[in-house]
Amino acid sequence: MKTKEELPDCPVATTVQLIGNKWKLLIIRNLLVRPWRFNELHKNLEGISQKVLTDSLRQMESDGLITRTVFAEVPPRVEYALSELGESMRPILDDMAAWGNSYKEQIAQR
């Protein structure tokens, strides 16, 4: 997790730094529904490379937004889920979804 000194002074810039790319937002969107395995995420997020998914998951885990659980099975199973901190972003994504739907409706009326 980053220290306070490593984060921008502006709270909006802090949020953008943590989730400010489309892949991280889409990963969070999926994890709001349920825990996912790596290959499930990779298949669902069309166009993401394995490297970008791996890097995004590692960064989000480091930032405390998600948890990575390794199950002691053969073969090993790993699941990614939102942490309590990540779950606190639900209202932000809900608002983004509502805004996106509103925008689509306005465009359809033109």
Protein backbone atom coordinates (compact mmCIF):
# COMPACT_ATOMS: atom_id res chain seq x y z
CA MET A 1 0.00 0.00 0.00
CA LYS A 2 1.26 3.46 -0.82
CA THR A 3 2.15 5.89 1.93
CA LYS A 4 0.34 9.21 2.23
CA GLU A 5 3.45 10.97 0.98
CA GLU A 6 3.43 8.89 -2.23
CA LEU A 7 -0.11 9.96 -3.11
CA PRO A 8 -1.14 13.21 -4.81
CA ASP A 9 -2.51 16.02 -2.64
CA CYS A 10 -5.71 16.12 -4.70
CA PRO A 11 -8.20 13.39 -3.64
CA VAL A 12 -9.52 13.05 -7.20
CA ALA A 13 -5.97 12.52 -8.47
CA THR A 14 -5.48 9.89 -5.76
CA THR A 15 -8.55 7.99 -6.94
CA VAL A 16 -7.45 8.26 -10.57
CA GLN A 17 -3.98 6.99 -9.64
CA LEU A 18 -5.49 3.92 -7.95
CA ILE A 19 -8.21 3.00 -10.47
CA GLY A 20 -7.66 5.38 -13.36
CA ASN A 21 -7.37 2.98 -16.24
CA LYS A 22 -10.13 1.11 -17.99
CA TRP A 23 -8.85 -2.32 -17.04
CA LYS A 24 -8.77 -1.67 -13.30
CA LEU A 25 -12.30 -0.25 -13.44
CA LEU A 26 -13.54 -3.29 -15.35
CA ILE A 27 -11.77 -5.67 -12.97
CA ILE A 28 -13.46 -3.94 -10.04
CA ARG A 29 -16.80 -4.07 -11.89
CA ASN A 30 -16.45 -7.85 -12.17
CA LEU A 31 -15.26 -8.34 -8.60
CA LEU A 32 -18.27 -6.40 -7.30
CA VAL A 33 -20.37 -9.38 -8.40
CA ARG A 34 -18.24 -12.23 -7.00
CA PRO A 35 -14.68 -13.53 -6.64
CA TRP A 36 -13.07 -14.47 -9.96
CA ARG A 37 -10.20 -16.68 -11.04
CA PHE A 38 -7.47 -15.28 -13.28
CA ASN A 39 -8.54 -17.17 -16.43
CA GLU A 40 -12.18 -16.16 -15.92
CA LEU A 41 -11.17 -12.51 -15.76
CA HIS A 42 -8.89 -12.88 -18.77
CA LYS A 43 -11.68 -14.41 -20.87
CA ASN A 44 -14.27 -11.88 -19.71
CA LEU A 45 -12.14 -8.78 -20.26
CA GLU A 46 -11.89 -8.93 -24.03
CA GLY A 47 -8.70 -7.36 -25.31
CA ILE A 48 -6.66 -7.41 -22.10
CA SER A 49 -3.29 -9.13 -22.28
CA GLN A 50 -2.16 -11.58 -19.61
CA LYS A 51 0.66 -9.21 -18.68
CA VAL A 52 -1.65 -6.21 -18.21
CA LEU A 53 -4.11 -8.31 -16.19
CA THR A 54 -1.31 -9.68 -14.01
CA ASP A 55 0.20 -6.23 -13.49
CA SER A 56 -3.20 -4.68 -12.71
CA LEU A 57 -4.11 -7.40 -10.21
CA ARG A 58 -0.72 -7.15 -8.50
CA GLN A 59 -0.97 -3.36 -8.25
CA MET A 60 -4.53 -3.48 -6.95
CA GLU A 61 -3.51 -6.08 -4.36
CA SER A 62 -0.54 -3.92 -3.35
CA ASP A 63 -2.87 -0.90 -3.03
CA GLY A 64 -5.20 -2.90 -0.77
CA LEU A 65 -8.16 -2.91 -3.18
CA ILE A 66 -8.31 -6.66 -3.77
CA THR A 67 -7.34 -9.86 -2.04
CA ARG A 68 -5.69 -12.89 -3.60
CA THR A 69 -6.55 -16.24 -2.05
CA VAL A 70 -4.57 -19.36 -2.93
CA PHE A 71 -6.37 -22.62 -2.24
CA ALA A 72 -4.17 -25.59 -1.37
CA GLU A 73 -5.53 -27.89 -4.05
CA VAL A 74 -4.06 -29.81 -6.93
CA PRO A 75 -3.89 -27.98 -9.24
CA PRO A 76 -3.68 -24.82 -7.11
CA ARG A 77 -6.65 -22.48 -7.37
CA VAL A 78 -6.33 -18.71 -6.95
CA GLU A 79 -9.27 -16.35 -6.53
CA TYR A 80 -9.35 -12.58 -6.57
CA ALA A 81 -11.95 -10.68 -4.57
CA LEU A 82 -12.51 -7.13 -3.46
CA SER A 83 -11.13 -6.23 -0.06
CA GLU A 84 -13.21 -4.16 2.33
CA LEU A 85 -11.47 -1.08 0.92
CA GLY A 86 -12.23 -2.19 -2.64
CA GLU A 87 -15.84 -2.88 -1.72
CA SER A 88 -16.12 0.71 -0.49
CA MET A 89 -15.81 1.75 -4.15
CA ARG A 90 -19.22 0.21 -4.96
CA PRO A 91 -21.08 3.57 -4.77
CA ILE A 92 -18.56 5.13 -7.18
CA LEU A 93 -19.07 2.40 -9.78
CA ASP A 94 -22.83 2.43 -9.22
CA ASP A 95 -22.82 6.18 -9.94
CA MET A 96 -20.66 5.65 -13.03
CA ALA A 97 -23.10 3.00 -14.29
CA ALA A 98 -26.08 5.30 -13.68
CA TRP A 99 -24.35 8.16 -15.49
CA GLY A 100 -23.42 5.88 -18.39
CA ASN A 101 -27.02 4.70 -18.74
CA SER A 102 -28.29 8.28 -18.61
CA TYR A 103 -25.80 9.30 -21.29
CA LYS A 104 -26.87 6.41 -23.53
CA GLU A 105 -30.53 7.42 -23.14
CA GLN A 106 -29.74 11.03 -24.08
CA ILE A 107 -27.81 9.92 -27.15
CA ALA A 108 -30.67 7.60 -28.20
CA GLN A 109 -33.11 10.54 -28.08
CA ARG A 110 -31.12 12.60 -30.57
